[in-house]
């Protein structure tokens, strides 16, 4: 069996929340480097919580290949109990992908 091809991905930090259309993810940042994207999502969540936290706000860090999400790396939601990870309701196909970090600029 031939292994799947390696994908070159970019990393996107997205936000959606009660102040916007709740079925649309808004791009907060795009990165070639996963470590940079992870720092960005942490800063974004902390900033949003400090400025005007809204129950139902969500943030996610995803891997993107050719404008398609191929993996959800982190997904958080603000609830009354605080920021909690969201368990995916659908098994991500990304588990079968071989992902190569870094994308084209």
Protein backbone atom coordinates (compact mmCIF):
# COMPACT_ATOMS: atom_id res chain seq x y z
CA UNK A 1 0.00 0.00 0.00
CA UNK A 2 1.35 3.41 -1.01
CA UNK A 3 1.41 6.03 1.76
CA UNK A 4 -0.65 9.15 1.12
CA UNK A 5 1.24 12.09 -0.37
CA UNK A 6 2.63 14.74 1.97
CA UNK A 7 0.61 17.92 2.00
CA UNK A 8 2.14 21.35 2.36
CA UNK A 9 -0.06 23.26 4.75
CA UNK A 10 -0.51 26.71 6.22
CA UNK A 11 -1.93 27.23 9.70
CA UNK A 12 -4.93 29.49 10.26
CA UNK A 13 -6.30 30.90 13.50
CA UNK A 14 -10.05 31.50 13.22
CA UNK A 15 -12.74 33.08 15.40
CA UNK A 16 -16.52 32.97 15.43
CA UNK A 17 -18.88 34.23 18.04
CA UNK A 18 -22.23 35.65 19.04
CA UNK A 19 -21.41 39.13 17.72
CA UNK A 20 -20.99 37.81 14.17
CA UNK A 21 -22.60 35.26 11.89
CA UNK A 22 -22.22 32.14 13.99
CA UNK A 23 -21.80 29.80 11.03
CA UNK A 24 -18.82 31.70 9.60
CA UNK A 25 -15.22 31.37 10.77
CA UNK A 26 -13.29 34.65 10.54
CA UNK A 27 -9.56 34.55 9.78
CA UNK A 28 -7.44 36.08 12.54
CA UNK A 29 -4.06 35.06 11.15
CA UNK A 30 -2.30 32.77 8.68
CA UNK A 31 1.11 31.25 9.39
CA UNK A 32 3.67 28.98 7.74
CA UNK A 33 4.88 27.82 11.13
CA UNK A 34 2.80 25.81 13.62
CA UNK A 35 4.62 27.23 16.66
CA UNK A 36 3.81 30.79 15.55
CA UNK A 37 0.17 29.86 15.03
CA UNK A 38 -0.02 28.27 18.49
CA UNK A 39 1.34 31.46 20.09
CA UNK A 40 -1.14 33.53 18.06
CA UNK A 41 -4.19 31.55 19.20
CA UNK A 42 -3.09 31.84 22.83
CA UNK A 43 -2.64 35.61 22.49
CA UNK A 44 -5.96 35.98 20.63
CA UNK A 45 -7.94 34.04 23.24
CA UNK A 46 -6.31 35.95 26.13
CA UNK A 47 -6.97 39.29 24.42
CA UNK A 48 -10.62 38.46 23.69
CA UNK A 49 -11.18 37.29 27.26
CA UNK A 50 -9.63 40.48 28.64
CA UNK A 51 -11.53 42.89 26.39
CA UNK A 52 -15.09 41.66 26.03
CA UNK A 53 -15.69 37.96 26.62
CA UNK A 54 -18.89 36.58 25.11
CA UNK A 55 -20.29 33.17 26.04
CA UNK A 56 -20.32 31.10 22.87
CA UNK A 57 -17.18 32.61 21.36
CA UNK A 58 -15.00 30.02 19.62
CA UNK A 59 -11.42 29.92 18.41
CA UNK A 60 -9.67 27.28 16.37
CA UNK A 61 -6.28 26.50 14.91
CA UNK A 62 -6.46 24.55 11.67
CA UNK A 63 -4.14 23.20 9.00
CA UNK A 64 -5.13 24.36 5.52
CA UNK A 65 -4.14 22.95 2.13
CA UNK A 66 -5.34 24.64 -1.06
CA UNK A 67 -8.05 26.60 0.81
CA UNK A 68 -9.42 23.44 2.47
CA UNK A 69 -9.21 22.62 6.18
CA UNK A 70 -7.38 19.31 6.44
CA UNK A 71 -6.95 19.17 10.22
CA UNK A 72 -8.37 20.85 13.30
CA UNK A 73 -5.43 21.17 15.68
CA UNK A 74 -7.17 23.08 18.46
CA UNK A 75 -10.79 24.20 18.96
CA UNK A 76 -11.88 26.14 22.04
CA UNK A 77 -15.23 27.56 23.16
CA UNK A 78 -16.06 30.02 25.94
CA UNK A 79 -18.77 28.61 28.20
CA UNK A 80 -20.05 29.76 31.58
CA UNK A 81 -17.44 27.44 33.11
CA UNK A 82 -14.59 29.10 31.16
CA UNK A 83 -12.65 28.23 28.01
CA UNK A 84 -13.08 24.56 27.17
CA UNK A 85 -11.82 22.36 24.35
CA UNK A 86 -14.43 21.31 21.81
CA UNK A 87 -14.53 17.60 21.06
CA UNK A 88 -14.97 17.12 17.30
CA UNK A 89 -18.31 15.60 16.36
CA UNK A 90 -16.89 14.14 13.18
CA UNK A 91 -13.73 12.08 12.94
CA UNK A 92 -11.21 14.14 11.04
CA UNK A 93 -9.76 12.58 7.92
CA UNK A 94 -6.49 14.29 8.83
CA UNK A 95 -5.51 11.23 10.84
CA UNK A 96 -4.80 9.52 7.54
CA UNK A 97 -2.82 12.41 6.07
CA UNK A 98 0.89 12.92 6.19
CA UNK A 99 1.27 16.64 6.83
CA UNK A 100 4.40 18.58 5.92
CA UNK A 101 4.70 21.79 7.92
CA UNK A 102 5.10 25.16 6.27
CA UNK A 103 3.48 26.49 3.18
CA UNK A 104 4.09 28.79 0.32
CA UNK A 105 4.25 32.48 1.02
